[in-house]
Amino acid sequence: MIYEMLTEKYKEGEPIFFSDIYNGEISKSALTQQLSTLCKKGLLAKYDKGIYYLPKKTRLKSSVGPTADTIAKYKYISKNGKTDGYYSGNTFANQIGISTQVPHVIEIVSNNTNSAPR
């Protein structure tokens, strides 16, 4: 049931965030259990806590997942065609070609952040 929904909505190698697929119809623990079962069967792979992806098979029969840059783009910059943020600082300068410096830390300005107090 959940696997069919994921394959219709997401492409192989595209990050799937737990917060995006949780809709309140079932409990969080039940959804987590279903995702864990799919991971054990090899139909889904876990990238990090709360981030999954549909494995993309290669010729060498190993799965390829999303890169860290792809995860950052989906989470903080644009999702579903809606732009929530942008690269800034040295990252932006490097992307548009005014600087040849490749920054070690990528700077992203985004409205899509957790506003809960720490």
PDB file of N, CA and C in Angstrom:
ATOM      1  N   MET A   1       0.823  -1.184   0.000  1.00  0.00           N
ATOM      2  CA  MET A   1       0.000   0.000   0.000  1.00  0.00           C
ATOM      3  C   MET A   1       0.874   1.258   0.000  1.00  0.00           C
ATOM      4  N   ILE A   2       1.772   1.362   0.965  1.00  0.00           N
ATOM      5  CA  ILE A   2       2.613   2.559   1.035  1.00  0.00           C
ATOM      6  C   ILE A   2       3.664   2.545  -0.071  1.00  0.00           C
ATOM      7  N   TYR A   3       4.141   1.354  -0.445  1.00  0.00           N
ATOM      8  CA  TYR A   3       5.162   1.262  -1.493  1.00  0.00           C
ATOM      9  C   TYR A   3       4.617   1.760  -2.827  1.00  0.00           C
ATOM     10  N   GLU A   4       3.377   1.422  -3.150  1.00  0.00           N
ATOM     11  CA  GLU A   4       2.760   1.884  -4.396  1.00  0.00           C
ATOM     12  C   GLU A   4       2.644   3.410  -4.404  1.00  0.00           C
ATOM     13  N   MET A   5       2.270   3.979  -3.260  1.00  0.00           N
ATOM     14  CA  MET A   5       2.158   5.434  -3.162  1.00  0.00           C
ATOM     15  C   MET A   5       3.523   6.096  -3.363  1.00  0.00           C
ATOM     16  N   LEU A   6       4.557   5.512  -2.784  1.00  0.00           N
ATOM     17  CA  LEU A   6       5.901   6.076  -2.911  1.00  0.00           C
ATOM     18  C   LEU A   6       6.418   5.986  -4.344  1.00  0.00           C
ATOM     19  N   THR A   7       6.170   4.858  -5.020  1.00  0.00           N
ATOM     20  CA  THR A   7       6.658   4.707  -6.398  1.00  0.00           C
ATOM     21  C   THR A   7       5.908   5.612  -7.366  1.00  0.00           C
ATOM     22  N   GLU A   8       4.661   5.930  -7.074  1.00  0.00           N
ATOM     23  CA  GLU A   8       3.902   6.846  -7.931  1.00  0.00           C
ATOM     24  C   GLU A   8       4.362   8.291  -7.747  1.00  0.00           C
ATOM     25  N   LYS A   9       4.677   8.659  -6.516  1.00  0.00           N
ATOM     26  CA  LYS A   9       4.979  10.050  -6.196  1.00  0.00           C
ATOM     27  C   LYS A   9       6.461  10.410  -6.350  1.00  0.00           C
ATOM     28  N   TYR A  10       7.352   9.444  -6.137  1.00  0.00           N
ATOM     29  CA  TYR A  10       8.790   9.724  -6.137  1.00  0.00           C
ATOM     30  C   TYR A  10       9.518   8.896  -7.183  1.00  0.00           C
ATOM     31  N   LYS A  11      10.625   9.477  -7.701  1.00  0.00           N
ATOM     32  CA  LYS A  11      11.476   8.768  -8.659  1.00  0.00           C
ATOM     33  C   LYS A  11      12.577   8.035  -7.901  1.00  0.00           C
ATOM     34  N   GLU A  12      13.262   7.137  -8.598  1.00  0.00           N
ATOM     35  CA  GLU A  12      14.382   6.428  -7.986  1.00  0.00           C
ATOM     36  C   GLU A  12      15.493   7.419  -7.655  1.00  0.00           C
ATOM     37  N   GLY A  13      16.064   7.297  -6.469  1.00  0.00           N
ATOM     38  CA  GLY A  13      17.152   8.170  -6.056  1.00  0.00           C
ATOM     39  C   GLY A  13      16.713   9.520  -5.529  1.00  0.00           C
ATOM     40  N   GLU A  14      15.424   9.791  -5.538  1.00  0.00           N
ATOM     41  CA  GLU A  14      14.903  11.071  -5.045  1.00  0.00           C
ATOM     42  C   GLU A  14      14.656  10.959  -3.538  1.00  0.00           C
ATOM     43  N   PRO A  15      15.077  11.957  -2.749  1.00  0.00           N
ATOM     44  CA  PRO A  15      14.880  11.861  -1.303  1.00  0.00           C
ATOM     45  C   PRO A  15      13.403  11.904  -0.914  1.00  0.00           C
ATOM     46  N   ILE A  16      13.056  11.066   0.051  1.00  0.00           N
ATOM     47  CA  ILE A  16      11.694  11.000   0.584  1.00  0.00           C
ATOM     48  C   ILE A  16      11.794  11.347   2.068  1.00  0.00           C
ATOM     49  N   PHE A  17      11.207  12.449   2.467  1.00  0.00           N
ATOM     50  CA  PHE A  17      11.266  12.878   3.859  1.00  0.00           C
ATOM     51  C   PHE A  17      10.062  12.330   4.615  1.00  0.00           C
ATOM     52  N   PHE A  18      10.315  11.835   5.830  1.00  0.00           N
ATOM     53  CA  PHE A  18       9.255  11.280   6.663  1.00  0.00           C
ATOM     54  C   PHE A  18       8.150  12.304   6.873  1.00  0.00           C
ATOM     55  N   SER A  19       8.522  13.557   7.072  1.00  0.00           N
ATOM     56  CA  SER A  19       7.532  14.613   7.313  1.00  0.00           C
ATOM     57  C   SER A  19       6.629  14.836   6.097  1.00  0.00           C
ATOM     58  N   ASP A  20       7.114  14.510   4.898  1.00  0.00           N
ATOM     59  CA  ASP A  20       6.305  14.678   3.688  1.00  0.00           C
ATOM     60  C   ASP A  20       5.288  13.553   3.507  1.00  0.00           C
ATOM     61  N   ILE A  21       5.627  12.349   3.953  1.00  0.00           N
ATOM     62  CA  ILE A  21       4.703  11.231   3.726  1.00  0.00           C
ATOM     63  C   ILE A  21       3.777  10.980   4.917  1.00  0.00           C
ATOM     64  N   TYR A  22       4.106  11.546   6.078  1.00  0.00           N
ATOM     65  CA  TYR A  22       3.225  11.385   7.232  1.00  0.00           C
ATOM     66  C   TYR A  22       2.054  12.349   7.102  1.00  0.00           C
ATOM     67  N   ASN A  23       0.848  11.793   7.035  1.00  0.00           N
ATOM     68  CA  ASN A  23      -0.336  12.634   6.852  1.00  0.00           C
ATOM     69  C   ASN A  23      -1.353  12.500   7.984  1.00  0.00           C
ATOM     70  N   GLY A  24      -1.047  11.733   9.015  1.00  0.00           N
ATOM     71  CA  GLY A  24      -1.934  11.612  10.159  1.00  0.00           C
ATOM     72  C   GLY A  24      -2.960  10.502  10.058  1.00  0.00           C
ATOM     73  N   GLU A  25      -3.046   9.820   8.911  1.00  0.00           N
ATOM     74  CA  GLU A  25      -4.023   8.734   8.769  1.00  0.00           C
ATOM     75  C   GLU A  25      -3.667   7.546   9.655  1.00  0.00           C
ATOM     76  N   ILE A  26      -2.377   7.248   9.758  1.00  0.00           N
ATOM     77  CA  ILE A  26      -1.918   6.193  10.658  1.00  0.00           C
ATOM     78  C   ILE A  26      -0.915   6.815  11.626  1.00  0.00           C
ATOM     79  N   SER A  27      -0.621   6.104  12.690  1.00  0.00           N
ATOM     80  CA  SER A  27       0.306   6.658  13.685  1.00  0.00           C
ATOM     81  C   SER A  27       1.729   6.703  13.138  1.00  0.00           C
ATOM     82  N   LYS A  28       2.539   7.541  13.749  1.00  0.00           N
ATOM     83  CA  LYS A  28       3.935   7.669  13.319  1.00  0.00           C
ATOM     84  C   LYS A  28       4.689   6.356  13.497  1.00  0.00           C
ATOM     85  N   SER A  29       4.396   5.657  14.588  1.00  0.00           N
ATOM     86  CA  SER A  29       5.099   4.395  14.834  1.00  0.00           C
ATOM     87  C   SER A  29       4.719   3.334  13.801  1.00  0.00           C
ATOM     88  N   ALA A  30       3.454   3.315  13.371  1.00  0.00           N
ATOM     89  CA  ALA A  30       3.033   2.355  12.346  1.00  0.00           C
ATOM     90  C   ALA A  30       3.694   2.669  11.006  1.00  0.00           C
ATOM     91  N   LEU A  31       3.781   3.950  10.669  1.00  0.00           N
ATOM     92  CA  LEU A  31       4.439   4.353   9.426  1.00  0.00           C
ATOM     93  C   LEU A  31       5.926   4.016   9.479  1.00  0.00           C
ATOM     94  N   THR A  32       6.551   4.273  10.620  1.00  0.00           N
ATOM     95  CA  THR A  32       7.965   3.938  10.787  1.00  0.00           C
ATOM     96  C   THR A  32       8.183   2.441  10.621  1.00  0.00           C
ATOM     97  N   GLN A  33       7.289   1.638  11.162  1.00  0.00           N
ATOM     98  CA  GLN A  33       7.397   0.177  11.044  1.00  0.00           C
ATOM     99  C   GLN A  33       7.251  -0.266   9.591  1.00  0.00           C
ATOM    100  N   GLN A  34       6.310   0.325   8.866  1.00  0.00           N
ATOM    101  CA  GLN A  34       6.135  -0.026   7.449  1.00  0.00           C
ATOM    102  C   GLN A  34       7.362   0.357   6.632  1.00  0.00           C
ATOM    103  N   LEU A  35       7.935   1.529   6.902  1.00  0.00           N
ATOM    104  CA  LEU A  35       9.141   1.958   6.195  1.00  0.00           C
ATOM    105  C   LEU A  35      10.314   1.041   6.530  1.00  0.00           C
ATOM    106  N   SER A  36      10.412   0.627   7.780  1.00  0.00           N
ATOM    107  CA  SER A  36      11.474  -0.287   8.201  1.00  0.00           C
ATOM    108  C   SER A  36      11.345  -1.637   7.494  1.00  0.00           C
ATOM    109  N   THR A  37      10.123  -2.125   7.351  1.00  0.00           N
ATOM    110  CA  THR A  37       9.884  -3.389   6.645  1.00  0.00           C
ATOM    111  C   THR A  37      10.282  -3.272   5.179  1.00  0.00           C
ATOM    112  N   LEU A  38       9.947  -2.155   4.545  1.00  0.00           N
ATOM    113  CA  LEU A  38      10.335  -1.940   3.147  1.00  0.00           C
ATOM    114  C   LEU A  38      11.856  -1.877   3.005  1.00  0.00           C
ATOM    115  N   CYS A  39      12.527  -1.292   3.996  1.00  0.00           N
ATOM    116  CA  CYS A  39      13.994  -1.229   3.961  1.00  0.00           C
ATOM    117  C   CYS A  39      14.599  -2.626   4.085  1.00  0.00           C
ATOM    118  N   LYS A  40      14.030  -3.454   4.950  1.00  0.00           N
ATOM    119  CA  LYS A  40      14.539  -4.819   5.124  1.00  0.00           C
ATOM    120  C   LYS A  40      14.350  -5.652   3.865  1.00  0.00           C
ATOM    121  N   LYS A  41      13.264  -5.402   3.127  1.00  0.00           N
ATOM    122  CA  LYS A  41      13.003  -6.126   1.876  1.00  0.00           C
ATOM    123  C   LYS A  41      13.850  -5.603   0.721  1.00  0.00           C
ATOM    124  N   GLY A  42      14.473  -4.443   0.888  1.00  0.00           N
ATOM    125  CA  GLY A  42      15.295  -3.860  -0.162  1.00  0.00           C
ATOM    126  C   GLY A  42      14.522  -3.003  -1.146  1.00  0.00           C
ATOM    127  N   LEU A  43      13.254  -2.743  -0.871  1.00  0.00           N
ATOM    128  CA  LEU A  43      12.437  -1.910  -1.755  1.00  0.00           C
ATOM    129  C   LEU A  43      12.655  -0.425  -1.487  1.00  0.00           C
ATOM    130  N   LEU A  44      13.153  -0.114  -0.311  1.00  0.00           N
ATOM    131  CA  LEU A  44      13.391   1.259   0.108  1.00  0.00           C
ATOM    132  C   LEU A  44      14.722   1.276   0.851  1.00  0.00           C
ATOM    133  N   ALA A  45      15.426   2.382   0.809  1.00  0.00           N
ATOM    134  CA  ALA A  45      16.698   2.497   1.526  1.00  0.00           C
ATOM    135  C   ALA A  45      16.661   3.736   2.408  1.00  0.00           C
ATOM    136  N   LYS A  46      17.346   3.640   3.542  1.00  0.00           N
ATOM    137  CA  LYS A  46      17.381   4.758   4.485  1.00  0.00           C
ATOM    138  C   LYS A  46      18.681   5.526   4.285  1.00  0.00           C
ATOM    139  N   TYR A  47      18.565   6.830   4.062  1.00  0.00           N
ATOM    140  CA  TYR A  47      19.737   7.688   3.884  1.00  0.00           C
ATOM    141  C   TYR A  47      20.226   8.190   5.240  1.00  0.00           C
ATOM    142  N   ASP A  48      19.288   8.686   6.033  1.00  0.00           N
ATOM    143  CA  ASP A  48      19.586   9.227   7.350  1.00  0.00           C
ATOM    144  C   ASP A  48      18.282   9.211   8.139  1.00  0.00           C
ATOM    145  N   LYS A  49      18.306   9.687   9.362  1.00  0.00           N
ATOM    146  CA  LYS A  49      17.095   9.703  10.179  1.00  0.00           C
ATOM    147  C   LYS A  49      16.017  10.543   9.494  1.00  0.00           C
ATOM    148  N   GLY A  50      14.896   9.918   9.169  1.00  0.00           N
ATOM    149  CA  GLY A  50      13.777  10.617   8.551  1.00  0.00           C
ATOM    150  C   GLY A  50      13.914  10.847   7.059  1.00  0.00           C
ATOM    151  N   ILE A  51      14.973  10.316   6.437  1.00  0.00           N
ATOM    152  CA  ILE A  51      15.188  10.495   4.997  1.00  0.00           C
ATOM    153  C   ILE A  51      15.368   9.127   4.344  1.00  0.00           C
ATOM    154  N   TYR A  52      14.509   8.828   3.392  1.00  0.00           N
ATOM    155  CA  TYR A  52      14.546   7.556   2.672  1.00  0.00           C
ATOM    156  C   TYR A  52      14.645   7.833   1.182  1.00  0.00           C
ATOM    157  N   TYR A  53      14.888   6.789   0.396  1.00  0.00           N
ATOM    158  CA  TYR A  53      14.884   6.909  -1.062  1.00  0.00           C
ATOM    159  C   TYR A  53      14.621   5.552  -1.684  1.00  0.00           C
ATOM    160  N   LEU A  54      14.077   5.583  -2.899  1.00  0.00           N
ATOM    161  CA  LEU A  54      13.886   4.357  -3.666  1.00  0.00           C
ATOM    162  C   LEU A  54      15.223   4.037  -4.325  1.00  0.00           C
ATOM    163  N   PRO A  55      15.804   2.870  -4.046  1.00  0.00           N
ATOM    164  CA  PRO A  55      17.129   2.566  -4.596  1.00  0.00           C
ATOM    165  C   PRO A  55      17.119   2.510  -6.116  1.00  0.00           C
ATOM    166  N   LYS A  56      18.148   3.089  -6.693  1.00  0.00           N
ATOM    167  CA  LYS A  56      18.312   3.088  -8.147  1.00  0.00           C
ATOM    168  C   LYS A  56      19.360   2.032  -8.475  1.00  0.00           C
ATOM    169  N   LYS A  57      18.971   1.014  -9.203  1.00  0.00           N
ATOM    170  CA  LYS A  57      19.883  -0.077  -9.525  1.00  0.00           C
ATOM    171  C   LYS A  57      20.848   0.341 -10.626  1.00  0.00           C
ATOM    172  N   THR A  58      22.081  -0.117 -10.505  1.00  0.00           N
ATOM    173  CA  THR A  58      23.098   0.145 -11.517  1.00  0.00           C
ATOM    174  C   THR A  58      23.497  -1.173 -12.169  1.00  0.00           C
ATOM    175  N   ARG A  59      24.380  -1.101 -13.123  1.00  0.00           N
ATOM    176  CA  ARG A  59      24.848  -2.320 -13.790  1.00  0.00           C
ATOM    177  C   ARG A  59      25.604  -3.239 -12.844  1.00  0.00           C
ATOM    178  N   LEU A  60      26.174  -2.673 -11.812  1.00  0.00           N
ATOM    179  CA  LEU A  60      26.937  -3.463 -10.848  1.00  0.00           C
ATOM    180  C   LEU A  60      26.057  -4.010  -9.725  1.00  0.00           C
ATOM    181  N   LYS A  61      24.760  -3.859  -9.852  1.00  0.00           N
ATOM    182  CA  LYS A  61      23.757  -4.353  -8.902  1.00  0.00           C
ATOM    183  C   LYS A  61      23.890  -3.745  -7.507  1.00  0.00           C
ATOM    184  N   SER A  62      24.433  -2.561  -7.438  1.00  0.00           N
ATOM    185  CA  SER A  62      24.457  -1.843  -6.169  1.00  0.00           C
ATOM    186  C   SER A  62      23.520  -0.647  -6.293  1.00  0.00           C
ATOM    187  N   SER A  63      22.956  -0.238  -5.187  1.00  0.00           N
ATOM    188  CA  SER A  63      22.003   0.868  -5.255  1.00  0.00           C
ATOM    189  C   SER A  63      22.723   2.202  -5.124  1.00  0.00           C
ATOM    190  N   VAL A  64      22.200   3.192  -5.803  1.00  0.00           N
ATOM    191  CA  VAL A  64      22.748   4.542  -5.764  1.00  0.00           C
ATOM    192  C   VAL A  64      21.690   5.450  -5.153  1.00  0.00           C
ATOM    193  N   GLY A  65      22.095   6.194  -4.140  1.00  0.00           N
ATOM    194  CA  GLY A  65      21.164   7.089  -3.473  1.00  0.00           C
ATOM    195  C   GLY A  65      21.434   8.536  -3.814  1.00  0.00           C
ATOM    196  N   PRO A  66      20.684   9.430  -3.220  1.00  0.00           N
ATOM    197  CA  PRO A  66      20.875  10.859  -3.482  1.00  0.00           C
ATOM    198  C   PRO A  66      22.154  11.375  -2.821  1.00  0.00           C
ATOM    199  N   THR A  67      22.703  12.431  -3.383  1.00  0.00           N
ATOM    200  CA  THR A  67      23.884  13.059  -2.787  1.00  0.00           C
ATOM    201  C   THR A  67      23.440  14.026  -1.692  1.00  0.00           C
ATOM    202  N   ALA A  68      24.383  14.466  -0.889  1.00  0.00           N
ATOM    203  CA  ALA A  68      24.067  15.423   0.176  1.00  0.00           C
ATOM    204  C   ALA A  68      23.564  16.738  -0.412  1.00  0.00           C
ATOM    205  N   ASP A  69      24.103  17.117  -1.578  1.00  0.00           N
ATOM    206  CA  ASP A  69      23.659  18.340  -2.242  1.00  0.00           C
ATOM    207  C   ASP A  69      22.200  18.218  -2.688  1.00  0.00           C
ATOM    208  N   THR A  70      21.824  17.048  -3.186  1.00  0.00           N
ATOM    209  CA  THR A  70      20.438  16.811  -3.604  1.00  0.00           C
ATOM    210  C   THR A  70      19.493  16.890  -2.412  1.00  0.00           C
ATOM    211  N   ILE A  71      19.897  16.316  -1.293  1.00  0.00           N
ATOM    212  CA  ILE A  71      19.080  16.370  -0.075  1.00  0.00           C
ATOM    213  C   ILE A  71      18.881  17.826   0.351  1.00  0.00           C
ATOM    214  N   ALA A  72      19.955  18.605   0.342  1.00  0.00           N
ATOM    215  CA  ALA A  72      19.863  20.019   0.737  1.00  0.00           C
ATOM    216  C   ALA A  72      18.948  20.790  -0.203  1.00  0.00           C
ATOM    217  N   LYS A  73      19.050  20.522  -1.515  1.00  0.00           N
ATOM    218  CA  LYS A  73      18.184  21.216  -2.477  1.00  0.00           C
ATOM    219  C   LYS A  73      16.720  20.901  -2.221  1.00  0.00           C
ATOM    220  N   TYR A  74      16.400  19.611  -2.019  1.00  0.00           N
ATOM    221  CA  TYR A  74      15.007  19.230  -1.796  1.00  0.00           C
ATOM    222  C   TYR A  74      14.477  19.769  -0.471  1.00  0.00           C
ATOM    223  N   LYS A  75      15.309  19.774   0.562  1.00  0.00           N
ATOM    224  CA  LYS A  75      14.830  20.175   1.878  1.00  0.00           C
ATOM    225  C   LYS A  75      14.765  21.691   2.062  1.00  0.00           C
ATOM    226  N   TYR A  76      15.772  22.414   1.551  1.00  0.00           N
ATOM    227  CA  TYR A  76      15.859  23.834   1.860  1.00  0.00           C
ATOM    228  C   TYR A  76      15.684  24.781   0.683  1.00  0.00           C
ATOM    229  N   ILE A  77      15.879  24.334  -0.545  1.00  0.00           N
ATOM    230  CA  ILE A  77      15.843  25.270  -1.669  1.00  0.00           C
ATOM    231  C   ILE A  77      14.549  25.172  -2.458  1.00  0.00           C
ATOM    232  N   SER A  78      14.267  24.043  -3.070  1.00  0.00           N
ATOM    233  CA  SER A  78      13.021  23.936  -3.837  1.00  0.00           C
ATOM    234  C   SER A  78      12.457  22.532  -3.734  1.00  0.00           C
ATOM    235  N   LYS A  79      11.141  22.484  -3.579  1.00  0.00           N
ATOM    236  CA  LYS A  79      10.437  21.216  -3.483  1.00  0.00           C
ATOM    237  C   LYS A  79       9.098  21.373  -4.185  1.00  0.00           C
ATOM    238  N   ASN A  80       8.772  20.434  -5.043  1.00  0.00           N
ATOM    239  CA  ASN A  80       7.510  20.444  -5.795  1.00  0.00           C
ATOM    240  C   ASN A  80       7.338  21.726  -6.608  1.00  0.00           C
ATOM    241  N   GLY A  81       8.428  22.243  -7.150  1.00  0.00           N
ATOM    242  CA  GLY A  81       8.360  23.438  -7.981  1.00  0.00           C
ATOM    243  C   GLY A  81       8.254  24.740  -7.210  1.00  0.00           C
ATOM    244  N   LYS A  82       8.230  24.670  -5.889  1.00  0.00           N
ATOM    245  CA  LYS A  82       8.113  25.864  -5.044  1.00  0.00           C
ATOM    246  C   LYS A  82       9.492  26.203  -4.479  1.00  0.00           C
ATOM    247  N   THR A  83       9.936  27.428  -4.687  1.00  0.00           N
ATOM    248  CA  THR A  83      11.246  27.852  -4.206  1.00  0.00           C
ATOM    249  C   THR A  83      11.129  28.390  -2.787  1.00  0.00           C
ATOM    250  N   ASP A  84      11.901  27.802  -1.866  1.00  0.00           N
ATOM    251  CA  ASP A  84      11.884  28.221  -0.466  1.00  0.00           C
ATOM    252  C   ASP A  84      13.180  28.890  -0.032  1.00  0.00           C
ATOM    253  N   GLY A  85      14.243  28.759  -0.822  1.00  0.00           N
ATOM    254  CA  GLY A  85      15.514  29.315  -0.402  1.00  0.00           C
ATOM    255  C   GLY A  85      16.477  29.474  -1.561  1.00  0.00           C
ATOM    256  N   TYR A  86      17.694  29.889  -1.230  1.00  0.00           N
ATOM    257  CA  TYR A  86      18.714  30.095  -2.260  1.00  0.00           C
ATOM    258  C   TYR A  86      20.101  29.963  -1.635  1.00  0.00           C
ATOM    259  N   TYR A  87      21.083  29.688  -2.494  1.00  0.00           N
ATOM    260  CA  TYR A  87      22.473  29.650  -2.050  1.00  0.00           C
ATOM    261  C   TYR A  87      22.947  31.079  -1.840  1.00  0.00           C
ATOM    262  N   SER A  88      23.846  31.282  -0.879  1.00  0.00           N
ATOM    263  CA  SER A  88      24.369  32.627  -0.633  1.00  0.00           C
ATOM    264  C   SER A  88      25.868  32.562  -0.362  1.00  0.00           C
ATOM    265  N   GLY A  89      26.470  33.719  -0.196  1.00  0.00           N
ATOM    266  CA  GLY A  89      27.883  33.807   0.148  1.00  0.00           C
ATOM    267  C   GLY A  89      28.797  33.287  -0.948  1.00  0.00           C
ATOM    268  N   ASN A  90      29.883  32.628  -0.534  1.00  0.00           N
ATOM    269  CA  ASN A  90      30.867  32.110  -1.483  1.00  0.00           C
ATOM    270  C   ASN A  90      30.286  31.032  -2.395  1.00  0.00           C
ATOM    271  N   THR A  91      29.301  30.292  -1.910  1.00  0.00           N
ATOM    272  CA  THR A  91      28.666  29.268  -2.736  1.00  0.00           C
ATOM    273  C   THR A  91      27.992  29.910  -3.941  1.00  0.00           C
ATOM    274  N   PHE A  92      27.243  30.973  -3.690  1.00  0.00           N
ATOM    275  CA  PHE A  92      26.556  31.673  -4.770  1.00  0.00           C
ATOM    276  C   PHE A  92      27.553  32.310  -5.730  1.00  0.00           C
ATOM    277  N   ALA A  93      28.592  32.938  -5.181  1.00  0.00           N
ATOM    278  CA  ALA A  93      29.613  33.577  -6.020  1.00  0.00           C
ATOM    279  C   ALA A  93      30.299  32.550  -6.920  1.00  0.00           C
ATOM    280  N   ASN A  94      30.543  31.361  -6.400  1.00  0.00           N
ATOM    281  CA  ASN A  94      31.163  30.307  -7.196  1.00  0.00           C
ATOM    282  C   ASN A  94      30.217  29.812  -8.282  1.00  0.00           C
ATOM    283  N   GLN A  95      28.939  29.683  -7.964  1.00  0.00           N
ATOM    284  CA  GLN A  95      27.967  29.177  -8.938  1.00  0.00           C
ATOM    285  C   GLN A  95      27.784  30.116 -10.118  1.00  0.00           C
ATOM    286  N   ILE A  96      27.813  31.427  -9.871  1.00  0.00           N
ATOM    287  CA  ILE A  96      27.611  32.349 -10.995  1.00  0.00           C
ATOM    288  C   ILE A  96      28.920  32.743 -11.671  1.00  0.00           C
ATOM    289  N   GLY A  97      30.039  32.264 -11.128  1.00  0.00           N
ATOM    290  CA  GLY A  97      31.313  32.444 -11.811  1.00  0.00           C
ATOM    291  C   GLY A  97      32.131  33.659 -11.431  1.00  0.00           C
ATOM    292  N   ILE A  98      31.758  34.373 -10.370  1.00  0.00           N
ATOM    293  CA  ILE A  98      32.576  35.533  -9.992  1.00  0.00           C
ATOM    294  C   ILE A  98      33.749  35.119  -9.114  1.00  0.00           C
ATOM    295  N   SER A  99      33.695  33.948  -8.560  1.00  0.00           N
ATOM    296  CA  SER A  99      34.773  33.482  -7.697  1.00  0.00           C
ATOM    297  C   SER A  99      35.140  32.052  -8.075  1.00  0.00           C
ATOM    298  N   THR A 100      36.424  31.745  -7.940  1.00  0.00           N
ATOM    299  CA  THR A 100      36.857  30.368  -8.204  1.00  0.00           C
ATOM    300  C   THR A 100      36.986  29.583  -6.909  1.00  0.00           C
ATOM    301  N   GLN A 101      36.747  30.243  -5.785  1.00  0.00           N
ATOM    302  CA  GLN A 101      36.814  29.557  -4.491  1.00  0.00           C
ATOM    303  C   GLN A 101      35.644  28.592  -4.363  1.00  0.00           C
ATOM    304  N   VAL A 102      35.956  27.382  -3.957  1.00  0.00           N
ATOM    305  CA  VAL A 102      34.912  26.403  -3.677  1.00  0.00           C
ATOM    306  C   VAL A 102      34.808  26.312  -2.153  1.00  0.00           C
ATOM    307  N   PRO A 103      33.715  26.798  -1.584  1.00  0.00           N
ATOM    308  CA  PRO A 103      33.621  26.859  -0.128  1.00  0.00           C
ATOM    309  C   PRO A 103      33.504  25.477   0.509  1.00  0.00           C
ATOM    310  N   HIS A 104      34.090  25.351   1.690  1.00  0.00           N
ATOM    311  CA  HIS A 104      33.992  24.102   2.447  1.00  0.00           C
ATOM    312  C   HIS A 104      32.601  23.972   3.075  1.00  0.00           C
ATOM    313  N   VAL A 105      32.050  25.097   3.512  1.00  0.00           N
ATOM    314  CA  VAL A 105      30.716  25.130   4.112  1.00  0.00           C
ATOM    315  C   VAL A 105      29.772  25.817   3.133  1.00  0.00           C
ATOM    316  N   ILE A 106      28.690  25.126   2.799  1.00  0.00           N
ATOM    317  CA  ILE A 106      27.706  25.675   1.866  1.00  0.00           C
ATOM    318  C   ILE A 106      26.700  26.510   2.654  1.00  0.00           C
ATOM    319  N   GLU A 107      26.467  27.734   2.195  1.00  0.00           N
ATOM    320  CA  GLU A 107      25.527  28.633   2.861  1.00  0.00           C
ATOM    321  C   GLU A 107      24.211  28.648   2.095  1.00  0.00           C
ATOM    322  N   ILE A 108      23.115  28.392   2.811  1.00  0.00           N
ATOM    323  CA  ILE A 108      21.783  28.393   2.215  1.00  0.00           C
ATOM    324  C   ILE A 108      20.878  29.273   3.072  1.00  0.00           C
ATOM    325  N   VAL A 109      20.169  30.182   2.433  1.00  0.00           N
ATOM    326  CA  VAL A 109      19.171  31.008   3.109  1.00  0.00           C
ATOM    327  C   VAL A 109      17.819  30.418   2.735  1.00  0.00           C
ATOM    328  N   SER A 110      17.011  30.064   3.748  1.00  0.00           N
ATOM    329  CA  SER A 110      15.762  29.365   3.462  1.00  0.00           C
ATOM    330  C   SER A 110      14.666  29.743   4.448  1.00  0.00           C
ATOM    331  N   ASN A 111      13.430  29.689   3.973  1.00  0.00           N
ATOM    332  CA  ASN A 111      12.262  29.857   4.844  1.00  0.00           C
ATOM    333  C   ASN A 111      11.796  28.516   5.389  1.00  0.00           C
ATOM    334  N   ASN A 112      12.323  27.428   4.861  1.00  0.00           N
ATOM    335  CA  ASN A 112      11.890  26.085   5.222  1.00  0.00           C
ATOM    336  C   ASN A 112      12.781  25.531   6.334  1.00  0.00           C
ATOM    337  N   THR A 113      12.606  26.046   7.543  1.00  0.00           N
ATOM    338  CA  THR A 113      13.399  25.596   8.680  1.00  0.00           C
ATOM    339  C   THR A 113      12.483  25.214   9.825  1.00  0.00           C
ATOM    340  N   ASN A 114      13.046  24.557  10.795  1.00  0.00           N
ATOM    341  CA  ASN A 114      12.305  24.185  11.985  1.00  0.00           C
ATOM    342  C   ASN A 114      12.261  25.388  12.916  1.00  0.00           C
ATOM    343  N   SER A 115      11.084  25.861  13.239  1.00  0.00           N
ATOM    344  CA  SER A 115      10.956  27.050  14.079  1.00  0.00           C
ATOM    345  C   SER A 115      10.775  26.706  15.554  1.00  0.00           C
ATOM    346  N   ALA A 116      10.893  25.434  15.903  1.00  0.00           N
ATOM    347  CA  ALA A 116      10.743  25.042  17.300  1.00  0.00           C
ATOM    348  C   ALA A 116      11.943  25.525  18.108  1.00  0.00           C
ATOM    349  N   PRO A 117      11.700  26.031  19.318  1.00  0.00           N
ATOM    350  CA  PRO A 117      12.830  26.478  20.146  1.00  0.00           C
ATOM    351  C   PRO A 117      13.679  25.293  20.584  1.00  0.00           C
ATOM    352  N   ARG A 118      14.973  25.551  20.766  1.00  0.00           N
ATOM    353  CA  ARG A 118      15.886  24.467  21.159  1.00  0.00           C
ATOM    354  C   ARG A 118      16.191  24.534  22.621  1.00  0.00           C
TER     355      ARG A 118
END
